[in-house]
Amino acid sequence: MEGLSFYIGVVGNIISVLVFLSPIRTFVRIVKNRSTEEFESIPYICTLLSSGLWTYYGIIRPGSYLVATVNGFGVLVEAIYVVLFLIFAPAKMKAKTAVLLVVLDGGFLAAMVLGTRLALEGDTRIDVLGFVCAGLNIIMYGSPLVAMKTVVTMKSVEYMPFFLSFFLFLNGGIWAFYALLVGDYFLGVPNGIGCLLGTAQLVLYMMYRNSKASKNNRLEGLEEGLEHHQHLISPSDRDIE
């Protein structure tokens, strides 16, 4: 069983690397057009925070070095994505990205590491960090739901990258299986949920991939989608969560 869990973990690492790299085409487009267009930074900010905490979790939990290594890679890649947002996003989005970066990936991450290191020890430290990591993982998997609203409104999958949804589905499934083998429920529950959310995104993609909305409907949908995005992912809403 231990040997099987190791090989499943290695496969999980490979798929996770593909998840982290899957938005590359999006960022090539952003750099080429020198604009983030209607893409949102919140999925990358959440993933950066999640990767940072999972790296710490993998370090302090015995036998979880596979979790630590792949998430360490994720920290590097997601940091690059966020920097590109700060360079090419419009002023309003740039300011929002900077605030969330400082509050979540700076303040919250530092508070969690220092707080658990100084105030807790042993299994209690691992359990508290595991609960937080699981919650953030669910947010990470759920963040593309914002893009799903845009897909339905615009009847277009332009702003929901297929490969990101596909690899999130695979990633959630393989890590849920790995967690089942090693008995790590903090890793298993959020990844099981992620697999289900990834399935929902793929179904939506198949429904709308060939849809050709009229120009007027697309413009109206874009306006509605932007208003909904501003409401859903405002810093105050995320702070409450």
C-alpha atoms as a PDB file:
ATOM      1  CA  MET A   1       0.000   0.000   0.000  1.00  0.00           C
ATOM      2  CA  GLU A   2       2.866   2.358   0.804  1.00  0.00           C
ATOM      3  CA  GLY A   3       4.465   1.677  -2.572  1.00  0.00           C
ATOM      4  CA  LEU A   4       1.173   2.307  -4.374  1.00  0.00           C
ATOM      5  CA  SER A   5       0.629   5.584  -2.530  1.00  0.00           C
ATOM      6  CA  PHE A   6       4.127   6.727  -3.545  1.00  0.00           C
ATOM      7  CA  TYR A   7       3.500   6.074  -7.241  1.00  0.00           C
ATOM      8  CA  ILE A   8       0.054   7.688  -7.080  1.00  0.00           C
ATOM      9  CA  GLY A   9       1.690  10.666  -5.381  1.00  0.00           C
ATOM     10  CA  VAL A  10       4.252  10.926  -8.166  1.00  0.00           C
ATOM     11  CA  VAL A  11       1.447  10.874 -10.751  1.00  0.00           C
ATOM     12  CA  GLY A  12      -0.321  13.514  -8.669  1.00  0.00           C
ATOM     13  CA  ASN A  13       2.827  15.644  -8.757  1.00  0.00           C
ATOM     14  CA  ILE A  14       3.004  15.403 -12.541  1.00  0.00           C
ATOM     15  CA  ILE A  15      -0.658  16.351 -12.948  1.00  0.00           C
ATOM     16  CA  SER A  16      -0.295  19.203 -10.447  1.00  0.00           C
ATOM     17  CA  VAL A  17       2.623  20.568 -12.454  1.00  0.00           C
ATOM     18  CA  LEU A  18       0.379  20.489 -15.527  1.00  0.00           C
ATOM     19  CA  VAL A  19      -2.323  22.326 -13.540  1.00  0.00           C
ATOM     20  CA  PHE A  20       0.129  25.036 -12.552  1.00  0.00           C
ATOM     21  CA  LEU A  21       1.351  25.351 -16.146  1.00  0.00           C
ATOM     22  CA  SER A  22      -2.060  25.098 -17.839  1.00  0.00           C
ATOM     23  CA  PRO A  23      -2.734  28.884 -17.882  1.00  0.00           C
ATOM     24  CA  ILE A  24       0.460  29.530 -19.885  1.00  0.00           C
ATOM     25  CA  ARG A  25      -1.478  30.110 -23.105  1.00  0.00           C
ATOM     26  CA  THR A  26      -3.627  32.654 -21.312  1.00  0.00           C
ATOM     27  CA  PHE A  27      -0.573  34.550 -20.105  1.00  0.00           C
ATOM     28  CA  VAL A  28       1.102  34.369 -23.506  1.00  0.00           C
ATOM     29  CA  ARG A  29      -2.046  36.080 -24.803  1.00  0.00           C
ATOM     30  CA  ILE A  30      -1.888  38.638 -21.982  1.00  0.00           C
ATOM     31  CA  VAL A  31       1.759  39.475 -22.679  1.00  0.00           C
ATOM     32  CA  LYS A  32       1.195  39.570 -26.436  1.00  0.00           C
ATOM     33  CA  ASN A  33      -1.800  41.919 -26.130  1.00  0.00           C
ATOM     34  CA  ARG A  34      -0.269  43.763 -23.156  1.00  0.00           C
ATOM     35  CA  SER A  35      -3.639  43.498 -21.416  1.00  0.00           C
ATOM     36  CA  THR A  36      -5.353  41.072 -19.021  1.00  0.00           C
ATOM     37  CA  GLU A  37      -8.656  41.778 -20.828  1.00  0.00           C
ATOM     38  CA  GLU A  38     -11.496  40.267 -18.753  1.00  0.00           C
ATOM     39  CA  PHE A  39      -9.393  37.586 -17.061  1.00  0.00           C
ATOM     40  CA  GLU A  40      -9.497  37.645 -13.263  1.00  0.00           C
ATOM     41  CA  SER A  41      -6.516  37.532 -10.913  1.00  0.00           C
ATOM     42  CA  ILE A  42      -8.332  35.985  -7.939  1.00  0.00           C
ATOM     43  CA  PRO A  43      -7.815  32.318  -9.004  1.00  0.00           C
ATOM     44  CA  TYR A  44      -4.042  32.862  -9.174  1.00  0.00           C
ATOM     45  CA  ILE A  45      -3.909  34.779  -5.887  1.00  0.00           C
ATOM     46  CA  CYS A  46      -5.897  32.031  -4.144  1.00  0.00           C
ATOM     47  CA  THR A  47      -3.746  29.329  -5.679  1.00  0.00           C
ATOM     48  CA  LEU A  48      -0.561  31.126  -4.623  1.00  0.00           C
ATOM     49  CA  LEU A  49      -1.795  31.298  -1.035  1.00  0.00           C
ATOM     50  CA  SER A  50      -2.979  27.678  -1.110  1.00  0.00           C
ATOM     51  CA  SER A  51       0.339  26.467  -2.554  1.00  0.00           C
ATOM     52  CA  GLY A  52       2.303  28.340   0.084  1.00  0.00           C
ATOM     53  CA  LEU A  53       0.331  26.814   2.953  1.00  0.00           C
ATOM     54  CA  TRP A  54       0.370  23.308   1.443  1.00  0.00           C
ATOM     55  CA  THR A  55       4.150  23.586   1.097  1.00  0.00           C
ATOM     56  CA  TYR A  56       4.378  24.380   4.806  1.00  0.00           C
ATOM     57  CA  TYR A  57       1.920  21.559   5.605  1.00  0.00           C
ATOM     58  CA  GLY A  58       3.982  19.085   3.583  1.00  0.00           C
ATOM     59  CA  ILE A  59       7.113  20.122   5.452  1.00  0.00           C
ATOM     60  CA  ILE A  60       5.701  19.711   8.969  1.00  0.00           C
ATOM     61  CA  ARG A  61       3.586  16.574   8.352  1.00  0.00           C
ATOM     62  CA  PRO A  62       5.745  13.415   8.381  1.00  0.00           C
ATOM     63  CA  GLY A  63       5.867  11.582   5.062  1.00  0.00           C
ATOM     64  CA  SER A  64       4.268  14.399   3.039  1.00  0.00           C
ATOM     65  CA  TYR A  65       7.311  15.533   1.092  1.00  0.00           C
ATOM     66  CA  LEU A  66       5.490  14.887  -2.213  1.00  0.00           C
ATOM     67  CA  VAL A  67       2.919  17.488  -1.168  1.00  0.00           C
ATOM     68  CA  ALA A  68       5.658  19.959  -0.230  1.00  0.00           C
ATOM     69  CA  THR A  69       7.723  19.650  -3.410  1.00  0.00           C
ATOM     70  CA  VAL A  70       4.957  20.121  -5.958  1.00  0.00           C
ATOM     71  CA  ASN A  71       3.391  23.007  -4.062  1.00  0.00           C
ATOM     72  CA  GLY A  72       6.780  24.674  -3.771  1.00  0.00           C
ATOM     73  CA  PHE A  73       6.876  24.594  -7.573  1.00  0.00           C
ATOM     74  CA  GLY A  74       3.354  26.010  -7.566  1.00  0.00           C
ATOM     75  CA  VAL A  75       4.423  28.972  -5.426  1.00  0.00           C
ATOM     76  CA  LEU A  76       7.042  29.924  -8.021  1.00  0.00           C
ATOM     77  CA  VAL A  77       4.713  29.592 -11.021  1.00  0.00           C
ATOM     78  CA  GLU A  78       1.727  31.365  -9.439  1.00  0.00           C
ATOM     79  CA  ALA A  79       3.975  34.213  -8.290  1.00  0.00           C
ATOM     80  CA  ILE A  80       4.985  34.762 -11.920  1.00  0.00           C
ATOM     81  CA  TYR A  81       1.332  34.834 -13.011  1.00  0.00           C
ATOM     82  CA  VAL A  82       0.427  37.396 -10.348  1.00  0.00           C
ATOM     83  CA  VAL A  83       3.386  39.598 -11.303  1.00  0.00           C
ATOM     84  CA  LEU A  84       2.170  39.560 -14.915  1.00  0.00           C
ATOM     85  CA  PHE A  85      -1.244  40.704 -13.709  1.00  0.00           C
ATOM     86  CA  LEU A  86       0.386  43.557 -11.834  1.00  0.00           C
ATOM     87  CA  ILE A  87       2.217  44.572 -15.004  1.00  0.00           C
ATOM     88  CA  PHE A  88      -0.523  44.270 -17.636  1.00  0.00           C
ATOM     89  CA  ALA A  89      -3.842  44.689 -15.793  1.00  0.00           C
ATOM     90  CA  PRO A  90      -5.897  47.914 -16.050  1.00  0.00           C
ATOM     91  CA  ALA A  91      -5.436  50.324 -13.158  1.00  0.00           C
ATOM     92  CA  LYS A  92      -8.513  49.170 -11.209  1.00  0.00           C
ATOM     93  CA  MET A  93      -7.689  45.474 -11.553  1.00  0.00           C
ATOM     94  CA  LYS A  94      -4.027  46.179 -10.796  1.00  0.00           C
ATOM     95  CA  ALA A  95      -4.961  47.922  -7.540  1.00  0.00           C
ATOM     96  CA  LYS A  96      -7.339  45.114  -6.527  1.00  0.00           C
ATOM     97  CA  THR A  97      -4.682  42.492  -7.305  1.00  0.00           C
ATOM     98  CA  ALA A  98      -2.067  44.358  -5.270  1.00  0.00           C
ATOM     99  CA  VAL A  99      -4.360  44.686  -2.246  1.00  0.00           C
ATOM    100  CA  LEU A 100      -5.332  41.019  -2.297  1.00  0.00           C
ATOM    101  CA  LEU A 101      -1.712  39.995  -2.791  1.00  0.00           C
ATOM    102  CA  VAL A 102      -0.568  41.950   0.258  1.00  0.00           C
ATOM    103  CA  VAL A 103      -3.486  40.912   2.476  1.00  0.00           C
ATOM    104  CA  LEU A 104      -3.747  37.224   1.525  1.00  0.00           C
ATOM    105  CA  ASP A 105      -0.388  36.102   0.181  1.00  0.00           C
ATOM    106  CA  GLY A 106       1.556  38.384   2.477  1.00  0.00           C
ATOM    107  CA  GLY A 107      -0.290  39.045   5.727  1.00  0.00           C
ATOM    108  CA  PHE A 108      -2.460  35.938   6.033  1.00  0.00           C
ATOM    109  CA  LEU A 109       0.257  33.510   4.956  1.00  0.00           C
ATOM    110  CA  ALA A 110       2.787  35.028   7.364  1.00  0.00           C
ATOM    111  CA  ALA A 111       0.231  35.024  10.197  1.00  0.00           C
ATOM    112  CA  MET A 112      -0.575  31.339   9.646  1.00  0.00           C
ATOM    113  CA  VAL A 113       3.058  30.247   9.516  1.00  0.00           C
ATOM    114  CA  LEU A 114       4.141  32.293  12.521  1.00  0.00           C
ATOM    115  CA  GLY A 115       0.954  31.617  14.497  1.00  0.00           C
ATOM    116  CA  THR A 116       1.087  27.840  14.128  1.00  0.00           C
ATOM    117  CA  ARG A 117       4.834  27.795  14.660  1.00  0.00           C
ATOM    118  CA  LEU A 118       4.774  29.856  17.859  1.00  0.00           C
ATOM    119  CA  ALA A 119       1.438  28.934  19.454  1.00  0.00           C
ATOM    120  CA  LEU A 120       0.960  25.290  18.468  1.00  0.00           C
ATOM    121  CA  GLU A 121       2.987  22.114  18.283  1.00  0.00           C
ATOM    122  CA  GLY A 122       2.820  18.492  17.189  1.00  0.00           C
ATOM    123  CA  ASP A 123      -0.439  17.057  15.862  1.00  0.00           C
ATOM    124  CA  THR A 124      -2.405  20.147  16.891  1.00  0.00           C
ATOM    125  CA  ARG A 125      -0.297  22.330  14.595  1.00  0.00           C
ATOM    126  CA  ILE A 126      -0.769  19.868  11.724  1.00  0.00           C
ATOM    127  CA  ASP A 127      -4.541  19.624  12.296  1.00  0.00           C
ATOM    128  CA  VAL A 128      -5.111  23.402  12.420  1.00  0.00           C
ATOM    129  CA  LEU A 129      -3.007  23.964   9.326  1.00  0.00           C
ATOM    130  CA  GLY A 130      -4.761  21.054   7.602  1.00  0.00           C
ATOM    131  CA  PHE A 131      -8.192  22.597   8.202  1.00  0.00           C
ATOM    132  CA  VAL A 132      -7.045  25.935   6.796  1.00  0.00           C
ATOM    133  CA  CYS A 133      -5.375  24.324   3.778  1.00  0.00           C
ATOM    134  CA  ALA A 134      -8.480  22.268   3.043  1.00  0.00           C
ATOM    135  CA  GLY A 135     -10.681  25.367   3.136  1.00  0.00           C
ATOM    136  CA  LEU A 136      -8.361  27.294   0.828  1.00  0.00           C
ATOM    137  CA  ASN A 137      -8.169  24.358  -1.542  1.00  0.00           C
ATOM    138  CA  ILE A 138     -11.951  24.390  -1.867  1.00  0.00           C
ATOM    139  CA  ILE A 139     -11.804  28.135  -2.634  1.00  0.00           C
ATOM    140  CA  MET A 140      -9.097  27.480  -5.224  1.00  0.00           C
ATOM    141  CA  TYR A 141     -11.175  24.809  -6.931  1.00  0.00           C
ATOM    142  CA  GLY A 142     -14.300  26.956  -6.697  1.00  0.00           C
ATOM    143  CA  SER A 143     -12.759  30.188  -8.000  1.00  0.00           C
ATOM    144  CA  PRO A 144     -13.421  29.297 -11.675  1.00  0.00           C
ATOM    145  CA  LEU A 145     -17.138  29.343 -10.786  1.00  0.00           C
ATOM    146  CA  VAL A 146     -16.890  33.084 -11.433  1.00  0.00           C
ATOM    147  CA  ALA A 147     -15.836  32.277 -14.984  1.00  0.00           C
ATOM    148  CA  MET A 148     -18.705  29.784 -15.257  1.00  0.00           C
ATOM    149  CA  LYS A 149     -21.177  32.614 -14.624  1.00  0.00           C
ATOM    150  CA  THR A 150     -19.589  34.524 -17.511  1.00  0.00           C
ATOM    151  CA  VAL A 151     -19.839  31.452 -19.748  1.00  0.00           C
ATOM    152  CA  VAL A 152     -23.579  31.151 -19.129  1.00  0.00           C
ATOM    153  CA  THR A 153     -24.166  34.897 -19.491  1.00  0.00           C
ATOM    154  CA  MET A 154     -22.126  35.343 -22.677  1.00  0.00           C
ATOM    155  CA  LYS A 155     -22.826  31.859 -24.085  1.00  0.00           C
ATOM    156  CA  SER A 156     -19.099  31.661 -24.769  1.00  0.00           C
ATOM    157  CA  VAL A 157     -16.225  29.710 -23.197  1.00  0.00           C
ATOM    158  CA  GLU A 158     -13.629  32.327 -24.185  1.00  0.00           C
ATOM    159  CA  TYR A 159     -12.851  33.294 -20.595  1.00  0.00           C
ATOM    160  CA  MET A 160     -12.895  29.778 -19.095  1.00  0.00           C
ATOM    161  CA  PRO A 161      -9.712  28.010 -20.273  1.00  0.00           C
ATOM    162  CA  PHE A 162     -10.428  24.356 -21.068  1.00  0.00           C
ATOM    163  CA  PHE A 163      -7.091  22.937 -19.959  1.00  0.00           C
ATOM    164  CA  LEU A 164      -7.289  24.618 -16.557  1.00  0.00           C
ATOM    165  CA  SER A 165     -10.696  23.005 -15.915  1.00  0.00           C
ATOM    166  CA  PHE A 166      -9.525  19.654 -17.312  1.00  0.00           C
ATOM    167  CA  PHE A 167      -6.384  19.453 -15.217  1.00  0.00           C
ATOM    168  CA  LEU A 168      -8.208  20.646 -12.089  1.00  0.00           C
ATOM    169  CA  PHE A 169     -10.564  17.707 -12.609  1.00  0.00           C
ATOM    170  CA  LEU A 170      -7.672  15.245 -12.992  1.00  0.00           C
ATOM    171  CA  ASN A 171      -5.711  16.813 -10.151  1.00  0.00           C
ATOM    172  CA  GLY A 172      -8.623  16.628  -7.731  1.00  0.00           C
ATOM    173  CA  GLY A 173      -9.307  13.001  -8.583  1.00  0.00           C
ATOM    174  CA  ILE A 174      -5.739  11.709  -8.284  1.00  0.00           C
ATOM    175  CA  TRP A 175      -4.982  13.563  -5.034  1.00  0.00           C
ATOM    176  CA  ALA A 176      -8.277  12.405  -3.517  1.00  0.00           C
ATOM    177  CA  PHE A 177      -7.223   8.820  -4.321  1.00  0.00           C
ATOM    178  CA  TYR A 178      -3.737   9.428  -2.868  1.00  0.00           C
ATOM    179  CA  ALA A 179      -5.270  10.899   0.312  1.00  0.00           C
ATOM    180  CA  LEU A 180      -7.500   7.853   0.663  1.00  0.00           C
ATOM    181  CA  LEU A 181      -4.461   5.572   0.482  1.00  0.00           C
ATOM    182  CA  VAL A 182      -2.453   7.494   3.097  1.00  0.00           C
ATOM    183  CA  GLY A 183      -5.415   8.392   5.321  1.00  0.00           C
ATOM    184  CA  ASP A 184      -5.046  12.171   4.959  1.00  0.00           C
ATOM    185  CA  TYR A 185      -8.577  13.574   5.089  1.00  0.00           C
ATOM    186  CA  PHE A 186      -7.373  17.173   4.986  1.00  0.00           C
ATOM    187  CA  LEU A 187      -5.993  16.422   1.536  1.00  0.00           C
ATOM    188  CA  GLY A 188      -8.818  14.125   0.438  1.00  0.00           C
ATOM    189  CA  VAL A 189     -11.971  16.139   1.128  1.00  0.00           C
ATOM    190  CA  PRO A 190     -11.102  19.336  -0.780  1.00  0.00           C
ATOM    191  CA  ASN A 191      -9.637  17.398  -3.703  1.00  0.00           C
ATOM    192  CA  GLY A 192     -12.750  15.234  -3.905  1.00  0.00           C
ATOM    193  CA  ILE A 193     -14.825  18.414  -4.062  1.00  0.00           C
ATOM    194  CA  GLY A 194     -12.392  19.786  -6.640  1.00  0.00           C
ATOM    195  CA  CYS A 195     -12.924  16.737  -8.825  1.00  0.00           C
ATOM    196  CA  LEU A 196     -16.702  17.310  -8.745  1.00  0.00           C
ATOM    197  CA  LEU A 197     -16.338  21.031  -9.524  1.00  0.00           C
ATOM    198  CA  GLY A 198     -13.941  20.232 -12.343  1.00  0.00           C
ATOM    199  CA  THR A 199     -16.523  17.846 -13.762  1.00  0.00           C
ATOM    200  CA  ALA A 200     -19.153  20.607 -13.656  1.00  0.00           C
ATOM    201  CA  GLN A 201     -16.827  22.998 -15.488  1.00  0.00           C
ATOM    202  CA  LEU A 202     -16.115  20.428 -18.208  1.00  0.00           C
ATOM    203  CA  VAL A 203     -19.832  19.775 -18.690  1.00  0.00           C
ATOM    204  CA  LEU A 204     -20.439  23.515 -19.044  1.00  0.00           C
ATOM    205  CA  TYR A 205     -17.573  23.789 -21.508  1.00  0.00           C
ATOM    206  CA  MET A 206     -19.040  21.039 -23.683  1.00  0.00           C
ATOM    207  CA  MET A 207     -22.442  22.748 -23.587  1.00  0.00           C
ATOM    208  CA  TYR A 208     -21.191  26.139 -24.795  1.00  0.00           C
ATOM    209  CA  ARG A 209     -18.021  25.442 -26.762  1.00  0.00           C
ATOM    210  CA  ASN A 210     -19.798  25.656 -30.132  1.00  0.00           C
ATOM    211  CA  SER A 211     -22.296  28.339 -29.151  1.00  0.00           C
ATOM    212  CA  LYS A 212     -22.247  31.435 -31.343  1.00  0.00           C
ATOM    213  CA  ALA A 213     -24.006  34.290 -29.584  1.00  0.00           C
ATOM    214  CA  SER A 214     -24.795  37.458 -31.497  1.00  0.00           C
ATOM    215  CA  LYS A 215     -22.494  40.419 -31.033  1.00  0.00           C
ATOM    216  CA  ASN A 216     -25.146  42.352 -29.144  1.00  0.00           C
ATOM    217  CA  ASN A 217     -25.874  39.485 -26.769  1.00  0.00           C
ATOM    218  CA  ARG A 218     -22.155  39.034 -26.108  1.00  0.00           C
ATOM    219  CA  LEU A 219     -21.707  42.714 -25.303  1.00  0.00           C
ATOM    220  CA  GLU A 220     -24.743  42.749 -23.014  1.00  0.00           C
ATOM    221  CA  GLY A 221     -23.597  39.559 -21.342  1.00  0.00           C
ATOM    222  CA  LEU A 222     -20.117  40.973 -20.855  1.00  0.00           C
ATOM    223  CA  GLU A 223     -21.520  44.013 -19.041  1.00  0.00           C
ATOM    224  CA  GLU A 224     -23.665  41.813 -16.792  1.00  0.00           C
ATOM    225  CA  GLY A 225     -20.758  39.455 -16.170  1.00  0.00           C
ATOM    226  CA  LEU A 226     -18.429  42.287 -15.200  1.00  0.00           C
ATOM    227  CA  GLU A 227     -20.974  43.676 -12.740  1.00  0.00           C
ATOM    228  CA  HIS A 228     -21.420  40.230 -11.227  1.00  0.00           C
ATOM    229  CA  HIS A 229     -17.637  39.706 -11.006  1.00  0.00           C
ATOM    230  CA  GLN A 230     -17.189  42.996  -9.171  1.00  0.00           C
ATOM    231  CA  HIS A 231     -19.798  41.934  -6.638  1.00  0.00           C
ATOM    232  CA  LEU A 232     -18.512  38.388  -6.177  1.00  0.00           C
ATOM    233  CA  ILE A 233     -14.805  39.009  -5.809  1.00  0.00           C
ATOM    234  CA  SER A 234     -14.600  42.373  -4.104  1.00  0.00           C
ATOM    235  CA  PRO A 235     -11.967  42.374  -1.331  1.00  0.00           C
ATOM    236  CA  SER A 236     -14.645  42.826   1.355  1.00  0.00           C
ATOM    237  CA  ASP A 237     -16.541  39.727   0.180  1.00  0.00           C
ATOM    238  CA  ARG A 238     -13.391  37.633   0.176  1.00  0.00           C
ATOM    239  CA  ASP A 239     -12.379  38.914   3.592  1.00  0.00           C
ATOM    240  CA  ILE A 240     -15.715  37.746   4.980  1.00  0.00           C
ATOM    241  CA  GLU A 241     -15.128  34.296   3.521  1.00  0.00           C
END
